[in-house]
Amino acid sequence: MSSKLYDVLIIGGGPGGLAMASALARQVYTALILDSGVYRNAPTKHMHNVLGFDHVEPSVFRNKAREDLEKRYESIEFKSTTITTVRKTDTGVFEAVDQDGNVYQGKKLGLGTGVRDLVEEQPKGYAECWGKGIFHCLYCHGFEERGAESVGVFAGGMVSSADMLAHVTPMAKRLSQSVIIYTNGDTSLPSTIKTKVHSSKVHYDTRKITSFALIKSDPAVKITFDDGSSKTEGFVVILMLHKQHRLRNRWDWRRR
């Protein structure tokens, strides 16, 4: 067990945890960032929409943030480890235990664990294309691939309703010459979408998708259907469903 009692234990060393540590440091609180090294945006090569860090690798941002904290604020410490359980003791102190059984103590607990995209619930090859040719945010991705002859919008995840498709499709159309909305077997959805999306450059494909494959030379994605045919798109967009990362004993630290 660590003999040091920190003001705050921060679980997660991504942007959320780092921002939390920065604010605490400015008020001279002691904090330990417990970082597993697993990040949601790991599949992507570049990050965008962060001033001063546009089109750089996410690791560059994290490393610079950590460097600034370690250089200026002696009250902030880092530990590379994976926390498996957290509990709140009878004295009100939080105890975090890592995969090796080491125990860390803090008066308060900060969760910067983020979320996990549910890529495994999609057709074959989806996970390999995720963040490379299949994008979830057209502010984060898509600009570099602008001008494609055609791009796909996949009706799944958070983009399974006509309202969400009507929101995403015009964004995709600004980055391409035409858009195909893939309803993945839903033959009734196009008629509903057409009442909300009015464009001759938006087309529909209701065939069931069996797999995705990344074209290695660029971010283009090959879509294969259940009839054996295929179509290559400049990129595919979907607002992916996700789950919050949870500790194994997610309720143990709460007061009952």
Protein backbone atom coordinates (compact mmCIF):
# COMPACT_ATOMS: atom_id res chain seq x y z
CA MET A 1 0.00 0.00 0.00
CA SER A 2 1.20 3.51 -0.84
CA SER A 3 1.91 5.42 2.37
CA LYS A 4 0.96 8.75 0.75
CA LEU A 5 -2.57 10.09 1.06
CA TYR A 6 -3.38 12.30 -1.95
CA ASP A 7 -6.03 14.96 -2.03
CA VAL A 8 -7.38 13.37 -5.23
CA LEU A 9 -6.86 10.10 -7.07
CA ILE A 10 -7.50 10.58 -10.80
CA ILE A 11 -8.23 7.42 -12.78
CA GLY A 12 -7.48 8.02 -16.44
CA GLY A 13 -4.66 9.94 -18.12
CA GLY A 14 -6.48 11.11 -21.24
CA PRO A 15 -7.70 14.69 -21.86
CA GLY A 16 -10.32 14.50 -19.08
CA GLY A 17 -7.93 13.32 -16.40
CA LEU A 18 -5.20 15.72 -17.50
CA ALA A 19 -7.59 18.69 -17.45
CA MET A 20 -8.75 17.67 -13.97
CA ALA A 21 -5.14 17.55 -12.75
CA SER A 22 -4.39 20.96 -14.25
CA ALA A 23 -7.25 22.60 -12.35
CA LEU A 24 -6.30 20.88 -9.10
CA ALA A 25 -2.67 21.91 -9.50
CA ARG A 26 -3.65 25.57 -9.74
CA GLN A 27 -5.15 25.29 -6.26
CA VAL A 28 -2.15 23.35 -4.90
CA TYR A 29 -4.00 20.09 -4.35
CA THR A 30 -1.99 16.88 -4.51
CA ALA A 31 -3.18 14.44 -7.14
CA LEU A 32 -2.04 11.11 -8.54
CA ILE A 33 -3.00 10.30 -12.13
CA LEU A 34 -3.38 6.54 -12.56
CA ASP A 35 -3.12 5.91 -16.30
CA SER A 36 -3.74 2.58 -18.05
CA GLY A 37 -2.42 3.85 -21.40
CA VAL A 38 -5.66 2.84 -23.15
CA TYR A 39 -7.30 5.72 -25.05
CA ARG A 40 -10.50 5.94 -27.08
CA ASN A 41 -8.84 7.76 -29.99
CA ALA A 42 -5.93 5.32 -30.27
CA PRO A 43 -6.97 4.11 -33.78
CA THR A 44 -6.71 7.58 -35.31
CA LYS A 45 -3.50 9.15 -36.60
CA HIS A 46 -4.47 12.78 -36.08
CA MET A 47 -6.63 14.88 -33.77
CA HIS A 48 -8.48 18.04 -34.82
CA ASN A 49 -10.50 20.96 -33.41
CA VAL A 50 -8.06 21.52 -30.53
CA LEU A 51 -6.37 24.87 -30.96
CA GLY A 52 -2.60 24.56 -31.12
CA PHE A 53 -2.79 20.80 -31.73
CA ASP A 54 -4.69 20.59 -35.01
CA HIS A 55 -3.73 17.59 -37.17
CA VAL A 56 -1.21 16.13 -34.73
CA GLU A 57 -1.06 12.66 -33.20
CA PRO A 58 -3.14 12.38 -30.01
CA SER A 59 -0.04 11.19 -28.14
CA VAL A 60 1.65 14.55 -28.87
CA PHE A 61 -1.16 16.36 -27.05
CA ARG A 62 -1.08 13.98 -24.08
CA ASN A 63 2.71 14.10 -23.80
CA LYS A 64 2.77 17.90 -23.91
CA ALA A 65 0.04 18.16 -21.28
CA ARG A 66 1.90 15.75 -19.01
CA GLU A 67 5.20 17.57 -19.59
CA ASP A 68 3.61 20.89 -18.60
CA LEU A 69 2.12 19.41 -15.44
CA GLU A 70 5.33 17.71 -14.35
CA LYS A 71 7.44 20.77 -15.13
CA ARG A 72 5.36 23.37 -13.31
CA TYR A 73 3.35 21.60 -10.62
CA GLU A 74 5.10 19.47 -8.04
CA SER A 75 1.78 18.47 -6.46
CA ILE A 76 0.85 16.32 -9.51
CA GLU A 77 2.22 12.79 -9.91
CA PHE A 78 1.73 10.06 -12.53
CA LYS A 79 1.61 6.29 -12.32
CA SER A 80 1.28 3.95 -15.32
CA THR A 81 -1.01 1.19 -14.13
CA THR A 82 -4.49 -0.27 -14.59
CA ILE A 83 -6.93 0.19 -11.73
CA THR A 84 -9.28 -2.75 -11.28
CA THR A 85 -11.25 -1.87 -8.12
CA VAL A 86 -12.02 1.15 -5.97
CA ARG A 87 -13.66 1.31 -2.58
CA LYS A 88 -14.47 3.93 0.00
CA THR A 89 -13.28 2.98 3.48
CA ASP A 90 -15.11 3.55 6.74
CA THR A 91 -12.88 6.59 7.33
CA GLY A 92 -14.03 8.18 4.06
CA VAL A 93 -10.77 7.58 2.20
CA PHE A 94 -10.83 6.14 -1.32
CA GLU A 95 -8.61 3.16 -2.03
CA ALA A 96 -7.77 2.23 -5.63
CA VAL A 97 -6.22 -1.18 -6.31
CA ASP A 98 -4.31 -1.94 -9.51
CA GLN A 99 -3.79 -5.20 -11.41
CA ASP A 100 -0.72 -6.01 -9.28
CA GLY A 101 -2.48 -5.49 -5.97
CA ASN A 102 -0.91 -2.10 -5.22
CA VAL A 103 -3.17 0.23 -3.24
CA TYR A 104 -3.39 4.01 -3.67
CA GLN A 105 -5.25 6.33 -1.31
CA GLY A 106 -7.01 9.64 -1.84
CA LYS A 107 -9.43 11.90 -0.01
CA LYS A 108 -11.39 12.37 -3.22
CA LEU A 109 -11.79 10.37 -6.42
CA GLY A 110 -11.80 11.76 -9.96
CA LEU A 111 -12.96 9.54 -12.83
CA GLY A 112 -11.44 10.35 -16.23
CA THR A 113 -11.96 6.86 -17.60
CA GLY A 114 -13.88 7.97 -20.70
CA VAL A 115 -15.98 5.72 -22.91
CA ARG A 116 -15.50 2.66 -25.12
CA ASP A 117 -16.94 2.49 -28.63
CA LEU A 118 -18.93 -0.68 -29.31
CA VAL A 119 -17.21 -1.59 -32.56
CA GLU A 120 -17.47 -5.32 -31.90
CA GLU A 121 -21.25 -5.21 -32.40
CA GLN A 122 -20.91 -4.21 -36.07
CA PRO A 123 -20.29 -6.23 -39.30
CA LYS A 124 -17.00 -8.02 -39.92
CA GLY A 125 -14.03 -5.72 -40.50
CA TYR A 126 -15.66 -2.72 -38.83
CA ALA A 127 -13.18 -2.56 -35.97
CA GLU A 128 -10.19 -2.59 -38.34
CA CYS A 129 -11.65 0.35 -40.31
CA TRP A 130 -12.70 2.33 -37.21
CA GLY A 131 -10.93 5.70 -37.04
CA LYS A 132 -9.15 5.07 -40.34
CA GLY A 133 -11.89 4.93 -42.97
CA ILE A 134 -15.01 4.73 -40.80
CA PHE A 135 -15.53 7.99 -38.90
CA HIS A 136 -17.87 8.94 -36.06
CA CYS A 137 -17.46 12.73 -36.21
CA LEU A 138 -17.18 14.87 -39.34
CA TYR A 139 -15.63 17.72 -37.38
CA CYS A 140 -12.85 15.36 -36.30
CA HIS A 141 -12.45 13.52 -39.63
CA GLY A 142 -13.48 13.82 -43.26
CA PHE A 143 -11.90 17.16 -44.19
CA GLU A 144 -8.71 15.45 -45.34
CA GLU A 145 -10.79 13.11 -47.54
CA ARG A 146 -13.00 15.92 -48.95
CA GLY A 147 -13.90 15.81 -52.61
CA ALA A 148 -14.53 12.06 -52.73
CA GLU A 149 -16.82 10.96 -55.52
CA SER A 150 -19.06 9.19 -53.02
CA VAL A 151 -19.16 8.60 -49.27
CA GLY A 152 -21.37 6.34 -47.19
CA VAL A 153 -23.58 7.03 -44.18
CA PHE A 154 -24.26 3.85 -42.22
CA ALA A 155 -27.68 3.71 -40.58
CA GLY A 156 -26.64 2.14 -37.30
CA GLY A 157 -25.57 3.04 -33.78
CA MET A 158 -26.81 6.54 -32.93
CA VAL A 159 -27.59 7.21 -36.63
CA SER A 160 -30.42 4.70 -36.94
CA SER A 161 -33.27 7.24 -36.85
CA ALA A 162 -34.40 9.46 -39.71
CA ASP A 163 -33.77 12.60 -37.63
CA MET A 164 -30.14 11.67 -36.95
CA LEU A 165 -29.58 10.66 -40.58
CA ALA A 166 -31.02 14.01 -41.65
CA HIS A 167 -28.47 15.69 -39.36
CA VAL A 168 -25.40 13.74 -40.49
CA THR A 169 -26.09 13.39 -44.21
CA PRO A 170 -25.76 17.12 -45.14
CA MET A 171 -22.43 17.22 -43.32
CA ALA A 172 -21.20 14.24 -45.33
CA LYS A 173 -22.48 15.85 -48.54
CA ARG A 174 -20.35 18.95 -47.96
CA LEU A 175 -17.26 16.73 -48.10
CA SER A 176 -18.22 14.70 -51.17
CA GLN A 177 -19.92 14.80 -54.55
CA SER A 178 -22.65 12.38 -53.48
CA VAL A 179 -23.81 10.37 -50.46
CA ILE A 180 -25.24 6.87 -50.17
CA ILE A 181 -27.22 6.06 -47.03
CA TYR A 182 -26.85 2.36 -46.20
CA THR A 183 -29.85 1.14 -44.21
CA ASN A 184 -28.41 -2.37 -43.71
CA GLY A 185 -31.57 -4.29 -44.55
CA ASP A 186 -34.15 -1.74 -43.41
CA THR A 187 -36.31 -1.22 -46.50
CA SER A 188 -38.75 1.20 -44.83
CA LEU A 189 -36.22 3.81 -43.67
CA PRO A 190 -35.54 5.56 -47.04
CA SER A 191 -39.12 6.80 -47.43
CA THR A 192 -38.96 8.43 -43.99
CA ILE A 193 -35.55 10.00 -44.63
CA LYS A 194 -36.69 11.45 -47.94
CA THR A 195 -39.21 13.62 -46.11
CA LYS A 196 -36.32 15.25 -44.25
CA VAL A 197 -33.42 15.15 -46.72
CA HIS A 198 -34.11 16.80 -50.06
CA SER A 199 -31.19 16.33 -52.43
CA SER A 200 -30.64 14.60 -55.76
CA LYS A 201 -27.11 13.81 -54.58
CA VAL A 202 -28.31 11.58 -51.73
CA HIS A 203 -29.01 7.96 -52.66
CA TYR A 204 -30.08 4.85 -50.73
CA ASP A 205 -28.98 1.24 -50.50
CA THR A 206 -31.07 -1.15 -48.40
CA ARG A 207 -28.95 -4.27 -48.86
CA LYS A 208 -27.62 -6.10 -45.81
CA ILE A 209 -23.93 -5.41 -45.19
CA THR A 210 -21.72 -8.41 -44.38
CA SER A 211 -18.30 -6.77 -44.07
CA PHE A 212 -16.11 -3.68 -44.31
CA ALA A 213 -12.50 -3.61 -45.52
CA LEU A 214 -10.01 -0.77 -45.53
CA ILE A 215 -8.33 -0.02 -48.86
CA LYS A 216 -4.71 0.23 -47.75
CA SER A 217 -3.62 2.97 -50.17
CA ASP A 218 -6.10 5.52 -48.75
CA PRO A 219 -8.98 5.78 -46.23
CA ALA A 220 -11.46 4.33 -48.76
CA VAL A 221 -13.67 1.53 -47.44
CA LYS A 222 -14.91 -1.48 -49.41
CA ILE A 223 -18.43 -2.49 -48.40
CA THR A 224 -19.52 -6.06 -49.18
CA PHE A 225 -23.20 -7.04 -49.24
CA ASP A 226 -25.03 -10.29 -48.62
CA ASP A 227 -25.54 -10.78 -52.37
CA GLY A 228 -21.76 -10.93 -52.86
CA SER A 229 -21.42 -7.56 -54.58
CA SER A 230 -19.41 -4.65 -53.18
CA LYS A 231 -19.07 -0.86 -53.31
CA THR A 232 -16.07 1.32 -52.38
CA GLU A 233 -16.70 4.62 -50.59
CA GLY A 234 -14.31 7.49 -49.92
CA PHE A 235 -15.15 7.03 -46.25
CA VAL A 236 -18.10 5.89 -44.14
CA VAL A 237 -19.62 7.81 -41.25
CA ILE A 238 -21.59 6.50 -38.29
CA LEU A 239 -22.22 7.94 -34.83
CA MET A 240 -21.12 4.90 -32.85
CA LEU A 241 -22.84 3.72 -29.71
CA HIS A 242 -20.52 3.62 -26.72
CA LYS A 243 -20.36 2.63 -23.07
CA GLN A 244 -18.71 4.33 -20.17
CA HIS A 245 -15.65 2.52 -18.84
CA ARG A 246 -16.48 1.01 -15.47
CA LEU A 247 -14.40 -0.41 -12.69
CA ARG A 248 -14.99 -4.03 -11.86
CA ASN A 249 -16.66 -3.19 -8.55
CA ARG A 250 -18.36 -0.04 -9.82
CA TRP A 251 -20.62 0.43 -6.80
CA ASP A 252 -18.26 -0.51 -3.94
CA TRP A 253 -16.89 3.00 -3.47
CA ARG A 254 -20.29 4.62 -2.98
CA ARG A 255 -21.78 5.25 0.42
CA ARG A 256 -24.90 3.16 0.78
